[in-house]
Protein backbone atom coordinates (compact mmCIF):
# COMPACT_ATOMS: atom_id res chain seq x y z
CA MET A 1 -30.37 162.19 18.41
CA PHE A 2 -34.04 161.27 17.78
CA ASP A 3 -35.57 159.69 14.48
CA LYS A 4 -38.95 160.95 15.31
CA LEU A 5 -40.24 163.16 18.86
CA PRO A 6 -40.75 160.86 21.51
CA GLU A 7 -44.37 159.69 22.39
CA TRP A 8 -45.11 161.97 25.44
CA ALA A 9 -44.28 165.13 23.17
CA LEU A 10 -46.36 164.42 20.68
CA LYS A 11 -49.80 163.82 22.65
CA GLU A 12 -48.24 167.05 24.87
CA ILE A 13 -47.99 168.96 21.56
CA PRO A 14 -49.58 167.41 18.79
CA ASP A 15 -48.70 170.26 16.67
CA ALA A 16 -45.28 170.38 17.45
CA ARG A 17 -43.02 170.51 14.10
CA GLY A 18 -39.81 168.95 15.96
CA ALA A 19 -37.62 169.63 19.21
CA TRP A 20 -35.02 172.78 18.50
CA ALA A 21 -32.93 174.73 21.42
CA PRO A 22 -30.69 172.04 22.80
CA ASP A 23 -28.85 172.84 25.59
CA ILE A 24 -26.25 169.75 27.00
CA SER A 25 -24.41 169.44 30.71
CA PHE A 26 -22.37 166.48 31.79
CA TYR A 27 -22.96 165.71 35.63
CA ASN A 28 -23.44 163.16 37.92
CA GLY A 29 -21.50 160.54 35.15
CA GLN A 30 -24.26 161.30 32.48
CA TYR A 31 -24.76 164.14 29.92
CA HIS A 32 -27.72 165.44 30.25
CA LEU A 33 -29.55 167.50 26.97
CA TYR A 34 -32.84 169.51 27.34
CA TYR A 35 -34.64 170.28 24.31
CA SER A 36 -37.60 172.31 23.39
CA VAL A 37 -40.96 171.12 21.95
CA SER A 38 -43.63 174.07 21.52
CA ARG A 39 -46.41 175.09 19.13
CA PHE A 40 -44.18 177.94 17.38
CA GLY A 41 -45.08 181.27 18.78
CA ARG A 42 -47.97 180.07 20.90
CA ASN A 43 -46.76 179.40 24.87
CA ASP A 44 -48.19 175.91 24.63
CA SER A 45 -44.84 174.38 24.76
CA ALA A 46 -42.67 171.83 27.09
CA ILE A 47 -38.44 171.48 27.74
CA GLY A 48 -37.86 167.53 27.54
CA LEU A 49 -34.48 165.35 28.86
CA ALA A 50 -32.52 163.14 27.17
CA THR A 51 -29.51 161.22 28.67
CA ASN A 52 -26.52 159.74 27.78
CA LYS A 53 -23.17 157.94 29.28
CA THR A 54 -21.00 159.30 26.49
CA LEU A 55 -20.87 161.28 23.41
CA ASP A 56 -19.21 158.66 21.29
CA PRO A 57 -20.78 157.01 19.16
CA ASN A 58 -18.54 154.03 18.56
CA ASP A 59 -18.57 153.31 22.72
CA PRO A 60 -20.81 150.41 23.80
CA ASP A 61 -22.54 152.82 26.39
CA TYR A 62 -23.37 155.24 23.37
CA LYS A 63 -27.51 155.53 23.65
CA TRP A 64 -29.66 158.53 24.50
CA VAL A 65 -32.74 157.89 26.70
CA ASP A 66 -35.26 160.17 26.79
CA ARG A 67 -36.51 160.70 30.78
CA GLY A 68 -39.35 162.88 29.19
CA LEU A 69 -41.36 165.97 30.48
CA VAL A 70 -39.59 168.43 32.63
CA VAL A 71 -41.53 171.49 32.83
CA ARG A 72 -44.42 172.53 30.93
CA SER A 73 -46.71 175.96 29.83
CA TYR A 74 -50.50 175.92 28.88
CA GLU A 75 -51.53 178.25 26.51
CA GLY A 76 -54.99 179.50 27.91
CA SER A 77 -58.31 177.41 27.24
CA THR A 78 -56.64 174.54 26.45
CA VAL A 79 -58.70 171.10 26.23
CA ARG A 80 -56.08 169.46 28.41
CA CYS A 81 -55.69 172.09 31.25
CA PRO A 82 -58.65 174.12 30.59
CA SER A 83 -58.41 175.86 34.17
CA ARG A 84 -54.45 176.77 33.54
CA GLU A 85 -53.24 179.20 31.74
CA ASP A 86 -49.38 180.22 32.32
CA ASN A 87 -47.54 183.63 31.26
CA TRP A 88 -44.64 182.37 30.63
CA ASN A 89 -43.12 179.85 28.11
CA ALA A 90 -41.45 176.60 28.25
CA ILE A 91 -38.51 176.45 25.87
CA ASP A 92 -35.31 177.80 25.68
CA ALA A 93 -33.66 175.61 28.82
CA ASN A 94 -30.03 176.17 29.72
CA LEU A 95 -29.25 174.25 33.07
CA VAL A 96 -26.67 175.92 35.58
CA ILE A 97 -24.47 174.12 38.01
CA LYS A 98 -23.70 175.91 40.76
CA ASP A 99 -21.85 173.05 42.88
CA LYS A 100 -22.85 169.03 42.68
CA HIS A 101 -25.88 170.20 44.99
CA ASN A 102 -27.38 173.21 43.85
CA ILE A 103 -28.57 172.58 39.81
CA TRP A 104 -30.84 175.02 38.38
CA LEU A 105 -32.73 175.40 35.18
CA CYS A 106 -33.72 178.58 33.22
CA TRP A 107 -35.73 179.22 30.50
CA GLY A 108 -37.96 181.27 28.52
CA SER A 109 -39.26 183.17 25.54
CA PHE A 110 -41.61 186.58 25.35
CA TRP A 111 -44.61 186.88 27.94
CA SER A 112 -43.41 187.67 31.11
CA GLY A 113 -39.77 186.57 30.34
CA ILE A 114 -36.84 184.49 31.71
CA LYS A 115 -37.89 182.14 35.12
CA MET A 116 -35.67 179.90 37.08
CA ARG A 117 -36.59 176.45 39.16
CA ARG A 118 -33.78 174.34 41.28
CA VAL A 119 -33.48 170.69 39.63
CA ASP A 120 -32.81 167.69 41.24
CA PRO A 121 -29.66 166.25 40.49
CA GLU A 122 -30.34 162.53 40.90
CA THR A 123 -33.10 162.80 38.31
CA GLY A 124 -32.65 166.51 36.45
CA LYS A 125 -36.15 167.24 36.53
CA LEU A 126 -37.29 169.77 38.94
CA SER A 127 -37.26 169.59 42.37
CA ASP A 128 -40.11 168.27 44.62
CA ARG A 129 -38.75 170.17 47.45
CA ASP A 130 -38.43 173.46 46.35
CA THR A 131 -40.84 174.35 44.06
CA THR A 132 -40.30 178.14 43.81
CA ILE A 133 -40.01 180.00 40.47
CA TYR A 134 -38.30 182.94 40.54
CA SER A 135 -38.29 185.47 37.34
CA ILE A 136 -34.84 186.78 36.68
CA ALA A 137 -35.60 188.77 33.21
CA SER A 138 -38.11 190.41 31.35
CA ARG A 139 -39.42 193.11 29.47
CA PRO A 140 -43.05 194.46 31.05
CA ARG A 141 -45.29 195.56 28.05
CA THR A 142 -47.27 198.74 28.61
CA ASP A 143 -50.18 197.62 27.08
CA SER A 144 -52.32 194.51 28.08
CA ASP A 145 -52.54 192.65 24.72
CA LYS A 146 -51.37 188.99 25.15
CA THR A 147 -49.92 188.66 21.72
CA PRO A 148 -46.02 187.77 21.91
CA SER A 149 -44.69 191.22 20.10
CA THR A 150 -41.17 193.07 20.05
CA GLU A 151 -41.90 194.97 22.86
CA ASP A 152 -41.46 191.79 25.41
CA ALA A 153 -39.08 189.86 23.47
CA ILE A 154 -36.48 188.64 25.08
CA GLU A 155 -35.86 184.86 25.33
CA ALA A 156 -32.70 182.13 24.92
CA PRO A 157 -30.87 182.64 28.53
CA PHE A 158 -27.54 181.58 29.13
CA ILE A 159 -25.99 182.00 32.46
CA ILE A 160 -22.20 181.87 33.29
CA ARG A 161 -19.77 182.51 36.43
CA HIS A 162 -17.03 184.94 36.32
CA GLY A 163 -15.50 186.20 39.29
CA GLY A 164 -17.61 186.88 42.42
CA TYR A 165 -20.87 187.21 39.80
CA TRP A 166 -23.20 185.17 37.98
CA TYR A 167 -23.79 186.68 34.55
CA LEU A 168 -27.40 186.28 32.30
CA PHE A 169 -27.13 186.53 28.85
CA VAL A 170 -30.47 186.62 26.81
CA SER A 171 -31.79 187.62 23.48
CA PHE A 172 -33.71 190.50 22.81
CA ASP A 173 -36.37 191.27 20.01
CA LEU A 174 -36.93 188.66 17.06
CA CYS A 175 -35.20 185.87 15.32
CA CYS A 176 -36.27 183.81 12.31
CA GLN A 177 -36.74 186.73 10.10
CA GLY A 178 -33.75 185.75 7.98
CA ALA A 179 -32.12 188.68 6.78
CA LYS A 180 -34.97 191.08 8.88
CA SER A 181 -34.60 189.63 11.93
CA THR A 182 -33.37 192.01 14.75
CA TYR A 183 -31.73 189.70 17.54
CA LYS A 184 -29.10 191.00 19.71
CA VAL A 185 -27.44 189.70 22.85
CA MET A 186 -27.92 191.42 26.37
CA VAL A 187 -26.18 190.54 29.45
CA GLY A 188 -26.63 191.44 33.35
CA ARG A 189 -25.15 190.20 36.75
CA SER A 190 -25.94 188.91 40.23
CA ARG A 191 -23.83 188.39 43.09
CA GLY A 192 -26.49 185.30 43.27
CA ILE A 193 -27.51 182.54 40.93
CA THR A 194 -31.06 183.47 41.42
CA GLY A 195 -30.92 187.19 40.96
CA PRO A 196 -31.25 190.09 41.17
CA TYR A 197 -29.87 190.59 37.56
CA ILE A 198 -28.72 194.21 37.02
CA ASP A 199 -27.36 195.85 34.02
CA LYS A 200 -24.08 198.12 33.67
CA ASP A 201 -25.96 201.14 34.62
CA GLY A 202 -27.76 199.60 37.55
CA ARG A 203 -31.58 198.91 35.88
CA PRO A 204 -32.94 195.49 37.11
CA MET A 205 -33.29 192.89 33.96
CA THR A 206 -36.48 192.27 35.42
CA GLU A 207 -37.73 195.72 34.48
CA GLY A 208 -36.19 195.65 30.94
CA GLY A 209 -32.56 196.11 31.90
CA GLY A 210 -29.75 194.88 30.02
CA THR A 211 -26.53 195.69 28.57
CA LEU A 212 -25.67 195.29 25.05
CA VAL A 213 -23.28 192.58 24.03
CA ILE A 214 -23.46 191.86 20.36
CA GLU A 215 -25.97 193.32 17.53
CA ALA A 216 -25.60 193.93 13.86
CA THR A 217 -23.63 196.84 12.66
CA SER A 218 -23.54 196.17 8.64
CA PRO A 219 -25.70 194.69 6.30
CA ASN A 220 -23.43 191.47 6.13
CA TRP A 221 -24.60 189.77 9.19
CA ARG A 222 -28.37 190.34 10.82
CA GLY A 223 -29.76 189.34 13.96
CA PRO A 224 -26.99 187.92 16.56
CA GLY A 225 -28.70 185.99 19.29
CA HIS A 226 -29.62 182.55 21.57
CA PRO A 227 -26.05 182.82 23.01
CA ALA A 228 -23.98 180.47 24.75
CA VAL A 229 -20.76 180.81 26.62
CA LEU A 230 -17.75 178.40 26.25
CA GLN A 231 -15.35 178.37 29.18
CA GLU A 232 -12.02 176.85 28.62
CA SER A 233 -8.65 177.22 30.58
CA SER A 234 -7.29 179.73 27.38
CA GLY A 235 -10.34 181.95 27.79
CA ASP A 236 -14.45 182.30 26.96
CA PHE A 237 -15.93 182.31 23.70
CA LEU A 238 -19.43 183.98 22.84
CA LEU A 239 -21.49 181.34 20.87
CA PHE A 240 -24.43 182.28 18.73
CA HIS A 241 -26.22 182.68 15.03
CA ALA A 242 -26.83 185.23 13.05
CA TYR A 243 -28.47 185.25 9.47
CA ASN A 244 -26.25 185.63 6.32
CA GLY A 245 -27.53 189.67 5.19
CA GLN A 246 -28.17 188.22 1.14
CA THR A 247 -29.17 185.13 1.85
CA GLY A 248 -31.40 185.20 4.96
CA ARG A 249 -29.67 181.75 6.01
CA SER A 250 -28.25 181.38 9.82
CA GLU A 251 -24.84 180.98 10.48
CA LEU A 252 -23.15 179.41 13.57
CA LYS A 253 -20.72 182.21 14.95
CA ILE A 254 -17.70 182.51 17.46
CA SER A 255 -16.06 185.47 19.24
CA THR A 256 -13.89 185.33 22.07
CA ILE A 257 -14.95 187.22 25.06
CA VAL A 258 -12.28 190.18 26.92
CA TRP A 259 -13.61 191.09 30.13
CA GLU A 260 -13.62 194.87 30.90
CA ASP A 261 -14.56 196.15 34.16
CA GLY A 262 -16.28 193.18 35.07
CA TRP A 263 -18.43 193.17 31.73
CA PRO A 264 -17.76 190.90 28.31
CA ARG A 265 -16.31 192.60 25.06
CA VAL A 266 -17.01 190.38 21.90
CA GLY A 267 -15.61 191.19 18.56
CA GLU A 268 -18.25 192.88 16.13
CA LEU A 269 -19.93 191.31 13.29
CA PRO A 270 -18.43 192.20 9.93
């Protein structure tokens, strides 16, 4: 959709390698695609938005329009914002539509975990009327070191509604290490969209809770994570990537979801 990063993104984050972690939804007559731009491994990051009326490249209305910055996190003592330091990371966006008047954006990676804010349905940007940031999941650390580590590794949120609950899927541990990746998918649920999200054992996800959905069970595929859920009339599907145990390359995987006693179960990796 982009030949190169938008000018605003290069201005905000000159060291950005590119855009990743797209999340797409259709509402108000347009497709809204949120994407991440960041200095890898730092929370000097931003989430941008692009829209399109159609996904058919042969349609005369097919045109991606970049809408610019949605949310930004700042690393401490930056030149652009020397007085601000955020304890969260603005990547891995997921849009959640409760109804046409109630739309939310969640995001987060490492640091203090997963955040959520209300979105203005007219613009697709964060609401100016409701500026509350909700913390919905984290893995609190036992030390004061601000460097990301496995201890606080949580990212890539994805929220769906099933039955009378909202379900928050996240990734624990580390991606991007090829066959050495330790990613796994965890889940919690809540009666309200902004939480609190609780795991199957009753532990809050803001205190490191999470019920296992899928992890590596053999040397063949490692580090399954960055989940998304597709809800169809025929059933629900978990989409995620996993790393080939021999080549270390990541591939898209899809599993059906079976709901048992209100909790999702998926197939094991071979």
